[in-house]
Amino acid sequence: MIDHLLVATGLYGVTWLEPLKALTYASALAPNVRVGTGILVLPLRNPVLLTKEVATLEYLTGGKFILGVGPGWYPPEFEAVGTTVRERGGGPMRSSPPSAVS
């Protein structure tokens, strides 16, 4: 399942469902099947909430969840959440050195 916030005119002609919710539903219908994301756009997601969502799906599927991630590429999706493609990785998911204490 692919993660997109917006329809990319000329590229995709469909509206995308929220992948983690859709995969939870799919795994309930077919409990013996592995489910996964092709690419989940990490910079557009809250890392703490995403961790809980992924852990929940991993638990509910009995370990049959496959997480595929990526940095994203479609500028209007980043603009929709108040950022730009150039700022990918600059948010809370970036690893920063500790600040010096004076």
PDB file of N, CA and C in Angstrom:
ATOM      1  N   MET A   1       0.847  -1.166   0.000  1.00  0.00           N
ATOM      2  CA  MET A   1       0.000   0.000   0.000  1.00  0.00           C
ATOM      3  C   MET A   1       0.896   1.233   0.000  1.00  0.00           C
ATOM      4  N   ILE A   2       0.522   2.216  -0.809  1.00  0.00           N
ATOM      5  CA  ILE A   2       1.316   3.436  -0.975  1.00  0.00           C
ATOM      6  C   ILE A   2       0.704   4.570  -0.160  1.00  0.00           C
ATOM      7  N   ASP A   3       1.549   5.485   0.294  1.00  0.00           N
ATOM      8  CA  ASP A   3       1.158   6.608   1.136  1.00  0.00           C
ATOM      9  C   ASP A   3       1.204   7.901   0.333  1.00  0.00           C
ATOM     10  N   HIS A   4       0.054   8.555   0.118  1.00  0.00           N
ATOM     11  CA  HIS A   4      -0.003   9.872  -0.515  1.00  0.00           C
ATOM     12  C   HIS A   4      -1.082  10.689   0.171  1.00  0.00           C
ATOM     13  N   LEU A   5      -0.818  11.976   0.369  1.00  0.00           N
ATOM     14  CA  LEU A   5      -1.823  12.867   0.937  1.00  0.00           C
ATOM     15  C   LEU A   5      -2.745  13.427  -0.130  1.00  0.00           C
ATOM     16  N   LEU A   6      -2.202  13.666  -1.317  1.00  0.00           N
ATOM     17  CA  LEU A   6      -2.943  14.318  -2.386  1.00  0.00           C
ATOM     18  C   LEU A   6      -2.918  13.482  -3.647  1.00  0.00           C
ATOM     19  N   VAL A   7      -3.829  13.772  -4.557  1.00  0.00           N
ATOM     20  CA  VAL A   7      -3.804  13.137  -5.870  1.00  0.00           C
ATOM     21  C   VAL A   7      -2.776  13.880  -6.718  1.00  0.00           C
ATOM     22  N   ALA A   8      -1.846  13.162  -7.321  1.00  0.00           N
ATOM     23  CA  ALA A   8      -0.849  13.751  -8.209  1.00  0.00           C
ATOM     24  C   ALA A   8      -1.421  13.725  -9.620  1.00  0.00           C
ATOM     25  N   THR A   9      -1.985  14.842 -10.050  1.00  0.00           N
ATOM     26  CA  THR A   9      -2.633  14.923 -11.348  1.00  0.00           C
ATOM     27  C   THR A   9      -1.690  14.463 -12.456  1.00  0.00           C
ATOM     28  N   GLY A  10      -2.187  13.581 -13.303  1.00  0.00           N
ATOM     29  CA  GLY A  10      -1.382  13.067 -14.396  1.00  0.00           C
ATOM     30  C   GLY A  10      -0.561  11.849 -14.027  1.00  0.00           C
ATOM     31  N   LEU A  11      -0.359  11.611 -12.738  1.00  0.00           N
ATOM     32  CA  LEU A  11       0.408  10.451 -12.288  1.00  0.00           C
ATOM     33  C   LEU A  11      -0.505   9.381 -11.717  1.00  0.00           C
ATOM     34  N   TYR A  12      -1.403   9.792 -10.830  1.00  0.00           N
ATOM     35  CA  TYR A  12      -2.327   8.864 -10.200  1.00  0.00           C
ATOM     36  C   TYR A  12      -3.728   9.451 -10.325  1.00  0.00           C
ATOM     37  N   GLY A  13      -4.677   8.647 -10.672  1.00  0.00           N
ATOM     38  CA  GLY A  13      -6.045   9.132 -10.834  1.00  0.00           C
ATOM     39  C   GLY A  13      -6.966   8.719  -9.715  1.00  0.00           C
ATOM     40  N   VAL A  14      -6.406   8.417  -8.557  1.00  0.00           N
ATOM     41  CA  VAL A  14      -7.230   7.942  -7.449  1.00  0.00           C
ATOM     42  C   VAL A  14      -6.913   8.710  -6.177  1.00  0.00           C
ATOM     43  N   THR A  15      -7.836   8.681  -5.240  1.00  0.00           N
ATOM     44  CA  THR A  15      -7.602   9.204  -3.907  1.00  0.00           C
ATOM     45  C   THR A  15      -7.085   8.050  -3.062  1.00  0.00           C
ATOM     46  N   TRP A  16      -6.076   8.293  -2.271  1.00  0.00           N
ATOM     47  CA  TRP A  16      -5.436   7.232  -1.494  1.00  0.00           C
ATOM     48  C   TRP A  16      -6.062   7.112  -0.110  1.00  0.00           C
ATOM     49  N   LEU A  17      -6.280   5.882   0.312  1.00  0.00           N
ATOM     50  CA  LEU A  17      -6.717   5.627   1.684  1.00  0.00           C
ATOM     51  C   LEU A  17      -5.518   5.764   2.607  1.00  0.00           C
ATOM     52  N   GLU A  18      -5.776   6.017   3.888  1.00  0.00           N
ATOM     53  CA  GLU A  18      -4.684   6.061   4.868  1.00  0.00           C
ATOM     54  C   GLU A  18      -4.165   4.637   4.994  1.00  0.00           C
ATOM     55  N   PRO A  19      -2.890   4.387   4.689  1.00  0.00           N
ATOM     56  CA  PRO A  19      -2.401   3.018   4.551  1.00  0.00           C
ATOM     57  C   PRO A  19      -2.446   2.166   5.821  1.00  0.00           C
ATOM     58  N   LEU A  20      -2.115   2.713   6.957  1.00  0.00           N
ATOM     59  CA  LEU A  20      -2.074   1.871   8.161  1.00  0.00           C
ATOM     60  C   LEU A  20      -3.476   1.426   8.586  1.00  0.00           C
ATOM     61  N   LYS A  21      -4.452   2.320   8.426  1.00  0.00           N
ATOM     62  CA  LYS A  21      -5.840   1.931   8.749  1.00  0.00           C
ATOM     63  C   LYS A  21      -6.339   0.891   7.750  1.00  0.00           C
ATOM     64  N   ALA A  22      -6.065   1.112   6.467  1.00  0.00           N
ATOM     65  CA  ALA A  22      -6.510   0.173   5.437  1.00  0.00           C
ATOM     66  C   ALA A  22      -5.859  -1.194   5.617  1.00  0.00           C
ATOM     67  N   LEU A  23      -4.589  -1.218   5.996  1.00  0.00           N
ATOM     68  CA  LEU A  23      -3.902  -2.495   6.211  1.00  0.00           C
ATOM     69  C   LEU A  23      -4.419  -3.213   7.452  1.00  0.00           C
ATOM     70  N   THR A  24      -4.819  -2.463   8.464  1.00  0.00           N
ATOM     71  CA  THR A  24      -5.430  -3.078   9.645  1.00  0.00           C
ATOM     72  C   THR A  24      -6.721  -3.786   9.239  1.00  0.00           C
ATOM     73  N   TYR A  25      -7.526  -3.131   8.424  1.00  0.00           N
ATOM     74  CA  TYR A  25      -8.773  -3.720   7.934  1.00  0.00           C
ATOM     75  C   TYR A  25      -8.481  -4.961   7.084  1.00  0.00           C
ATOM     76  N   ALA A  26      -7.521  -4.844   6.170  1.00  0.00           N
ATOM     77  CA  ALA A  26      -7.177  -5.971   5.295  1.00  0.00           C
ATOM     78  C   ALA A  26      -6.686  -7.164   6.101  1.00  0.00           C
ATOM     79  N   SER A  27      -5.893  -6.897   7.127  1.00  0.00           N
ATOM     80  CA  SER A  27      -5.369  -8.010   7.931  1.00  0.00           C
ATOM     81  C   SER A  27      -6.473  -8.691   8.737  1.00  0.00           C
ATOM     82  N   ALA A  28      -7.518  -7.953   9.088  1.00  0.00           N
ATOM     83  CA  ALA A  28      -8.651  -8.564   9.788  1.00  0.00           C
ATOM     84  C   ALA A  28      -9.452  -9.469   8.841  1.00  0.00           C
ATOM     85  N   LEU A  29      -9.521  -9.078   7.572  1.00  0.00           N
ATOM     86  CA  LEU A  29     -10.242  -9.892   6.587  1.00  0.00           C
ATOM     87  C   LEU A  29      -9.461 -11.123   6.151  1.00  0.00           C
ATOM     88  N   ALA A  30      -8.139 -11.005   6.138  1.00  0.00           N
ATOM     89  CA  ALA A  30      -7.275 -12.102   5.680  1.00  0.00           C
ATOM     90  C   ALA A  30      -6.130 -12.283   6.676  1.00  0.00           C
ATOM     91  N   PRO A  31      -6.398 -12.862   7.836  1.00  0.00           N
ATOM     92  CA  PRO A  31      -5.405 -12.929   8.912  1.00  0.00           C
ATOM     93  C   PRO A  31      -4.155 -13.749   8.591  1.00  0.00           C
ATOM     94  N   ASN A  32      -4.180 -14.583   7.584  1.00  0.00           N
ATOM     95  CA  ASN A  32      -3.008 -15.402   7.259  1.00  0.00           C
ATOM     96  C   ASN A  32      -2.112 -14.774   6.194  1.00  0.00           C
ATOM     97  N   VAL A  33      -2.441 -13.570   5.759  1.00  0.00           N
ATOM     98  CA  VAL A  33      -1.707 -12.889   4.695  1.00  0.00           C
ATOM     99  C   VAL A  33      -0.818 -11.801   5.290  1.00  0.00           C
ATOM    100  N   ARG A  34       0.407 -11.684   4.770  1.00  0.00           N
ATOM    101  CA  ARG A  34       1.281 -10.586   5.179  1.00  0.00           C
ATOM    102  C   ARG A  34       0.776  -9.301   4.540  1.00  0.00           C
ATOM    103  N   VAL A  35       0.820  -8.197   5.263  1.00  0.00           N
ATOM    104  CA  VAL A  35       0.427  -6.890   4.738  1.00  0.00           C
ATOM    105  C   VAL A  35       1.586  -5.920   4.937  1.00  0.00           C
ATOM    106  N   GLY A  36       1.658  -4.900   4.098  1.00  0.00           N
ATOM    107  CA  GLY A  36       2.749  -3.955   4.251  1.00  0.00           C
ATOM    108  C   GLY A  36       2.576  -2.703   3.425  1.00  0.00           C
ATOM    109  N   THR A  37       3.400  -1.719   3.751  1.00  0.00           N
ATOM    110  CA  THR A  37       3.433  -0.481   2.997  1.00  0.00           C
ATOM    111  C   THR A  37       4.535  -0.585   1.955  1.00  0.00           C
ATOM    112  N   GLY A  38       4.235  -0.117   0.737  1.00  0.00           N
ATOM    113  CA  GLY A  38       5.280  -0.043  -0.277  1.00  0.00           C
ATOM    114  C   GLY A  38       6.245   1.056   0.128  1.00  0.00           C
ATOM    115  N   ILE A  39       5.679   2.228   0.359  1.00  0.00           N
ATOM    116  CA  ILE A  39       6.450   3.368   0.859  1.00  0.00           C
ATOM    117  C   ILE A  39       5.529   4.183   1.752  1.00  0.00           C
ATOM    118  N   LEU A  40       5.947   4.389   2.983  1.00  0.00           N
ATOM    119  CA  LEU A  40       5.264   5.278   3.907  1.00  0.00           C
ATOM    120  C   LEU A  40       6.142   6.525   3.995  1.00  0.00           C
ATOM    121  N   VAL A  41       5.594   7.699   3.732  1.00  0.00           N
ATOM    122  CA  VAL A  41       6.386   8.928   3.675  1.00  0.00           C
ATOM    123  C   VAL A  41       6.669   9.420   5.094  1.00  0.00           C
ATOM    124  N   LEU A  42       7.854   9.113   5.589  1.00  0.00           N
ATOM    125  CA  LEU A  42       8.206   9.417   6.979  1.00  0.00           C
ATOM    126  C   LEU A  42       8.175  10.900   7.340  1.00  0.00           C
ATOM    127  N   PRO A  43       8.713  11.813   6.524  1.00  0.00           N
ATOM    128  CA  PRO A  43       8.740  13.221   6.943  1.00  0.00           C
ATOM    129  C   PRO A  43       7.371  13.857   7.135  1.00  0.00           C
ATOM    130  N   LEU A  44       6.320  13.227   6.628  1.00  0.00           N
ATOM    131  CA  LEU A  44       4.981  13.788   6.767  1.00  0.00           C
ATOM    132  C   LEU A  44       4.244  13.262   7.993  1.00  0.00           C
ATOM    133  N   ARG A  45       4.901  12.434   8.779  1.00  0.00           N
ATOM    134  CA  ARG A  45       4.234  11.781   9.910  1.00  0.00           C
ATOM    135  C   ARG A  45       4.898  12.126  11.244  1.00  0.00           C
ATOM    136  N   ASN A  46       4.073  12.156  12.280  1.00  0.00           N
ATOM    137  CA  ASN A  46       4.582  12.360  13.634  1.00  0.00           C
ATOM    138  C   ASN A  46       5.292  11.079  14.063  1.00  0.00           C
ATOM    139  N   PRO A  47       6.569  11.152  14.428  1.00  0.00           N
ATOM    140  CA  PRO A  47       7.320   9.926  14.727  1.00  0.00           C
ATOM    141  C   PRO A  47       6.809   9.145  15.943  1.00  0.00           C
ATOM    142  N   VAL A  48       6.307   9.816  16.953  1.00  0.00           N
ATOM    143  CA  VAL A  48       5.812   9.111  18.144  1.00  0.00           C
ATOM    144  C   VAL A  48       4.511   8.382  17.818  1.00  0.00           C
ATOM    145  N   LEU A  49       3.598   9.075  17.154  1.00  0.00           N
ATOM    146  CA  LEU A  49       2.330   8.449  16.768  1.00  0.00           C
ATOM    147  C   LEU A  49       2.572   7.311  15.780  1.00  0.00           C
ATOM    148  N   LEU A  50       3.466   7.520  14.808  1.00  0.00           N
ATOM    149  CA  LEU A  50       3.773   6.474  13.835  1.00  0.00           C
ATOM    150  C   LEU A  50       4.331   5.224  14.517  1.00  0.00           C
ATOM    151  N   THR A  51       5.191   5.400  15.497  1.00  0.00           N
ATOM    152  CA  THR A  51       5.752   4.261  16.221  1.00  0.00           C
ATOM    153  C   THR A  51       4.646   3.439  16.869  1.00  0.00           C
ATOM    154  N   LYS A  52       3.691   4.124  17.490  1.00  0.00           N
ATOM    155  CA  LYS A  52       2.580   3.407  18.127  1.00  0.00           C
ATOM    156  C   LYS A  52       1.699   2.720  17.086  1.00  0.00           C
ATOM    157  N   GLU A  53       1.425   3.389  15.969  1.00  0.00           N
ATOM    158  CA  GLU A  53       0.591   2.799  14.917  1.00  0.00           C
ATOM    159  C   GLU A  53       1.250   1.548  14.333  1.00  0.00           C
ATOM    160  N   VAL A  54       2.555   1.632  14.067  1.00  0.00           N
ATOM    161  CA  VAL A  54       3.280   0.489  13.502  1.00  0.00           C
ATOM    162  C   VAL A  54       3.329  -0.664  14.500  1.00  0.00           C
ATOM    163  N   ALA A  55       3.602  -0.355  15.766  1.00  0.00           N
ATOM    164  CA  ALA A  55       3.643  -1.409  16.790  1.00  0.00           C
ATOM    165  C   ALA A  55       2.276  -2.076  16.945  1.00  0.00           C
ATOM    166  N   THR A  56       1.214  -1.291  16.876  1.00  0.00           N
ATOM    167  CA  THR A  56      -0.133  -1.840  16.973  1.00  0.00           C
ATOM    168  C   THR A  56      -0.427  -2.764  15.803  1.00  0.00           C
ATOM    169  N   LEU A  57      -0.095  -2.327  14.597  1.00  0.00           N
ATOM    170  CA  LEU A  57      -0.342  -3.152  13.414  1.00  0.00           C
ATOM    171  C   LEU A  57       0.505  -4.423  13.442  1.00  0.00           C
ATOM    172  N   GLU A  58       1.734  -4.315  13.887  1.00  0.00           N
ATOM    173  CA  GLU A  58       2.602  -5.490  14.015  1.00  0.00           C
ATOM    174  C   GLU A  58       1.987  -6.495  15.001  1.00  0.00           C
ATOM    175  N   TYR A  59       1.450  -5.993  16.105  1.00  0.00           N
ATOM    176  CA  TYR A  59       0.821  -6.861  17.104  1.00  0.00           C
ATOM    177  C   TYR A  59      -0.463  -7.502  16.558  1.00  0.00           C
ATOM    178  N   LEU A  60      -1.336  -6.680  15.954  1.00  0.00           N
ATOM    179  CA  LEU A  60      -2.618  -7.183  15.459  1.00  0.00           C
ATOM    180  C   LEU A  60      -2.460  -8.189  14.324  1.00  0.00           C
ATOM    181  N   THR A  61      -1.382  -8.076  13.545  1.00  0.00           N
ATOM    182  CA  THR A  61      -1.165  -9.015  12.439  1.00  0.00           C
ATOM    183  C   THR A  61      -0.382 -10.242  12.876  1.00  0.00           C
ATOM    184  N   GLY A  62       0.004 -10.297  14.131  1.00  0.00           N
ATOM    185  CA  GLY A  62       0.799 -11.429  14.605  1.00  0.00           C
ATOM    186  C   GLY A  62       2.173 -11.481  13.948  1.00  0.00           C
ATOM    187  N   GLY A  63       2.759 -10.302  13.715  1.00  0.00           N
ATOM    188  CA  GLY A  63       4.094 -10.243  13.117  1.00  0.00           C
ATOM    189  C   GLY A  63       4.104 -10.335  11.602  1.00  0.00           C
ATOM    190  N   LYS A  64       2.956 -10.152  10.966  1.00  0.00           N
ATOM    191  CA  LYS A  64       2.876 -10.269   9.500  1.00  0.00           C
ATOM    192  C   LYS A  64       2.840  -8.911   8.804  1.00  0.00           C
ATOM    193  N   PHE A  65       3.318  -7.871   9.472  1.00  0.00           N
ATOM    194  CA  PHE A  65       3.348  -6.540   8.884  1.00  0.00           C
ATOM    195  C   PHE A  65       4.754  -6.215   8.393  1.00  0.00           C
ATOM    196  N   ILE A  66       4.837  -5.687   7.170  1.00  0.00           N
ATOM    197  CA  ILE A  66       6.109  -5.284   6.573  1.00  0.00           C
ATOM    198  C   ILE A  66       6.074  -3.769   6.388  1.00  0.00           C
ATOM    199  N   LEU A  67       7.037  -3.069   6.974  1.00  0.00           N
ATOM    200  CA  LEU A  67       7.084  -1.607   6.896  1.00  0.00           C
ATOM    201  C   LEU A  67       8.084  -1.168   5.838  1.00  0.00           C
ATOM    202  N   GLY A  68       7.581  -0.515   4.802  1.00  0.00           N
ATOM    203  CA  GLY A  68       8.433   0.100   3.786  1.00  0.00           C
ATOM    204  C   GLY A  68       8.328   1.608   3.944  1.00  0.00           C
ATOM    205  N   VAL A  69       9.451   2.308   3.937  1.00  0.00           N
ATOM    206  CA  VAL A  69       9.445   3.754   4.170  1.00  0.00           C
ATOM    207  C   VAL A  69      10.220   4.479   3.081  1.00  0.00           C
ATOM    208  N   GLY A  70       9.986   5.778   2.978  1.00  0.00           N
ATOM    209  CA  GLY A  70      10.705   6.618   2.031  1.00  0.00           C
ATOM    210  C   GLY A  70      10.632   8.074   2.445  1.00  0.00           C
ATOM    211  N   PRO A  71      11.416   8.929   1.761  1.00  0.00           N
ATOM    212  CA  PRO A  71      11.485  10.345   2.129  1.00  0.00           C
ATOM    213  C   PRO A  71      10.421  11.226   1.495  1.00  0.00           C
ATOM    214  N   GLY A  72       9.653  10.698   0.536  1.00  0.00           N
ATOM    215  CA  GLY A  72       8.667  11.503  -0.168  1.00  0.00           C
ATOM    216  C   GLY A  72       9.311  12.286  -1.301  1.00  0.00           C
ATOM    217  N   TRP A  73       8.460  12.784  -2.206  1.00  0.00           N
ATOM    218  CA  TRP A  73       9.000  13.486  -3.372  1.00  0.00           C
ATOM    219  C   TRP A  73       8.062  14.542  -3.937  1.00  0.00           C
ATOM    220  N   TYR A  74       6.775  14.506  -3.597  1.00  0.00           N
ATOM    221  CA  TYR A  74       5.773  15.342  -4.244  1.00  0.00           C
ATOM    222  C   TYR A  74       5.578  16.648  -3.466  1.00  0.00           C
ATOM    223  N   PRO A  75       6.105  17.783  -3.976  1.00  0.00           N
ATOM    224  CA  PRO A  75       6.081  19.049  -3.231  1.00  0.00           C
ATOM    225  C   PRO A  75       4.721  19.467  -2.678  1.00  0.00           C
ATOM    226  N   PRO A  76       3.603  19.343  -3.413  1.00  0.00           N
ATOM    227  CA  PRO A  76       2.321  19.774  -2.833  1.00  0.00           C
ATOM    228  C   PRO A  76       1.941  19.040  -1.544  1.00  0.00           C
ATOM    229  N   GLU A  77       2.385  17.792  -1.376  1.00  0.00           N
ATOM    230  CA  GLU A  77       2.084  17.079  -0.130  1.00  0.00           C
ATOM    231  C   GLU A  77       2.823  17.706   1.049  1.00  0.00           C
ATOM    232  N   PHE A  78       4.039  18.125   0.828  1.00  0.00           N
ATOM    233  CA  PHE A  78       4.800  18.778   1.889  1.00  0.00           C
ATOM    234  C   PHE A  78       4.208  20.147   2.204  1.00  0.00           C
ATOM    235  N   GLU A  79       3.811  20.882   1.154  1.00  0.00           N
ATOM    236  CA  GLU A  79       3.191  22.189   1.350  1.00  0.00           C
ATOM    237  C   GLU A  79       1.872  22.057   2.125  1.00  0.00           C
ATOM    238  N   ALA A  80       1.139  20.963   1.919  1.00  0.00           N
ATOM    239  CA  ALA A  80      -0.134  20.745   2.617  1.00  0.00           C
ATOM    240  C   ALA A  80       0.047  20.615   4.119  1.00  0.00           C
ATOM    241  N   VAL A  81       1.233  20.222   4.566  1.00  0.00           N
ATOM    242  CA  VAL A  81       1.497  20.092   6.001  1.00  0.00           C
ATOM    243  C   VAL A  81       2.422  21.192   6.509  1.00  0.00           C
ATOM    244  N   GLY A  82       2.611  22.245   5.688  1.00  0.00           N
ATOM    245  CA  GLY A  82       3.362  23.411   6.133  1.00  0.00           C
ATOM    246  C   GLY A  82       4.873  23.292   6.057  1.00  0.00           C
ATOM    247  N   THR A  83       5.379  22.502   5.148  1.00  0.00           N
ATOM    248  CA  THR A  83       6.823  22.365   5.001  1.00  0.00           C
ATOM    249  C   THR A  83       7.166  22.264   3.517  1.00  0.00           C
ATOM    250  N   THR A  84       8.411  21.978   3.195  1.00  0.00           N
ATOM    251  CA  THR A  84       8.820  21.812   1.806  1.00  0.00           C
ATOM    252  C   THR A  84       9.623  20.525   1.669  1.00  0.00           C
ATOM    253  N   VAL A  85       9.745  20.069   0.431  1.00  0.00           N
ATOM    254  CA  VAL A  85      10.540  18.864   0.169  1.00  0.00           C
ATOM    255  C   VAL A  85      11.985  19.083   0.624  1.00  0.00           C
ATOM    256  N   ARG A  86      12.496  20.304   0.470  1.00  0.00           N
ATOM    257  CA  ARG A  86      13.888  20.600   0.865  1.00  0.00           C
ATOM    258  C   ARG A  86      14.114  20.438   2.367  1.00  0.00           C
ATOM    259  N   GLU A  87      13.053  20.522   3.161  1.00  0.00           N
ATOM    260  CA  GLU A  87      13.175  20.413   4.615  1.00  0.00           C
ATOM    261  C   GLU A  87      13.043  18.986   5.121  1.00  0.00           C
ATOM    262  N   ARG A  88      12.945  18.017   4.217  1.00  0.00           N
ATOM    263  CA  ARG A  88      12.824  16.616   4.653  1.00  0.00           C
ATOM    264  C   ARG A  88      13.960  16.265   5.597  1.00  0.00           C
ATOM    265  N   GLY A  89      13.620  15.617   6.688  1.00  0.00           N
ATOM    266  CA  GLY A  89      14.629  15.184   7.642  1.00  0.00           C
ATOM    267  C   GLY A  89      15.050  16.261   8.619  1.00  0.00           C
ATOM    268  N   GLY A  90      14.510  17.464   8.495  1.00  0.00           N
ATOM    269  CA  GLY A  90      14.901  18.544   9.388  1.00  0.00           C
ATOM    270  C   GLY A  90      14.024  18.664  10.617  1.00  0.00           C
ATOM    271  N   GLY A  91      13.019  17.798  10.727  1.00  0.00           N
ATOM    272  CA  GLY A  91      12.082  17.886  11.847  1.00  0.00           C
ATOM    273  C   GLY A  91      12.483  16.993  13.001  1.00  0.00           C
ATOM    274  N   PRO A  92      11.518  16.541  13.771  1.00  0.00           N
ATOM    275  CA  PRO A  92      11.813  15.761  14.973  1.00  0.00           C
ATOM    276  C   PRO A  92      12.468  14.413  14.694  1.00  0.00           C
ATOM    277  N   MET A  93      12.462  13.948  13.448  1.00  0.00           N
ATOM    278  CA  MET A  93      13.058  12.653  13.153  1.00  0.00           C
ATOM    279  C   MET A  93      14.562  12.764  12.943  1.00  0.00           C
ATOM    280  N   ARG A  94      15.072  13.982  12.778  1.00  0.00           N
ATOM    281  CA  ARG A  94      16.498  14.178  12.544  1.00  0.00           C
ATOM    282  C   ARG A  94      17.262  13.933  13.837  1.00  0.00           C
ATOM    283  N   SER A  95      18.398  13.326  13.719  1.00  0.00           N
ATOM    284  CA  SER A  95      19.241  13.117  14.883  1.00  0.00           C
ATOM    285  C   SER A  95      20.167  14.310  15.032  1.00  0.00           C
ATOM    286  N   SER A  96      20.088  14.987  16.160  1.00  0.00           N
ATOM    287  CA  SER A  96      20.908  16.177  16.401  1.00  0.00           C
ATOM    288  C   SER A  96      21.871  15.903  17.539  1.00  0.00           C
ATOM    289  N   PRO A  97      23.061  16.550  17.487  1.00  0.00           N
ATOM    290  CA  PRO A  97      23.971  16.405  18.616  1.00  0.00           C
ATOM    291  C   PRO A  97      23.395  17.092  19.835  1.00  0.00           C
ATOM    292  N   PRO A  98      23.713  16.614  21.036  1.00  0.00           N
ATOM    293  CA  PRO A  98      23.184  17.236  22.247  1.00  0.00           C
ATOM    294  C   PRO A  98      23.703  18.652  22.394  1.00  0.00           C
ATOM    295  N   SER A  99      22.884  19.522  22.976  1.00  0.00           N
ATOM    296  CA  SER A  99      23.287  20.909  23.202  1.00  0.00           C
ATOM    297  C   SER A  99      24.251  20.976  24.380  1.00  0.00           C
ATOM    298  N   ALA A 100      25.180  21.929  24.286  1.00  0.00           N
ATOM    299  CA  ALA A 100      26.126  22.135  25.389  1.00  0.00           C
ATOM    300  C   ALA A 100      25.401  22.841  26.535  1.00  0.00           C
ATOM    301  N   VAL A 101      25.666  22.432  27.732  1.00  0.00           N
ATOM    302  CA  VAL A 101      25.068  23.055  28.923  1.00  0.00           C
ATOM    303  C   VAL A 101      26.106  23.991  29.514  1.00  0.00           C
ATOM    304  N   SER A 102      25.710  25.293  29.699  1.00  0.00           N
ATOM    305  CA  SER A 102      26.681  26.215  30.264  1.00  0.00           C
ATOM    306  C   SER A 102      26.530  26.362  31.761  1.00  0.00           C
TER     307      SER A 102
END
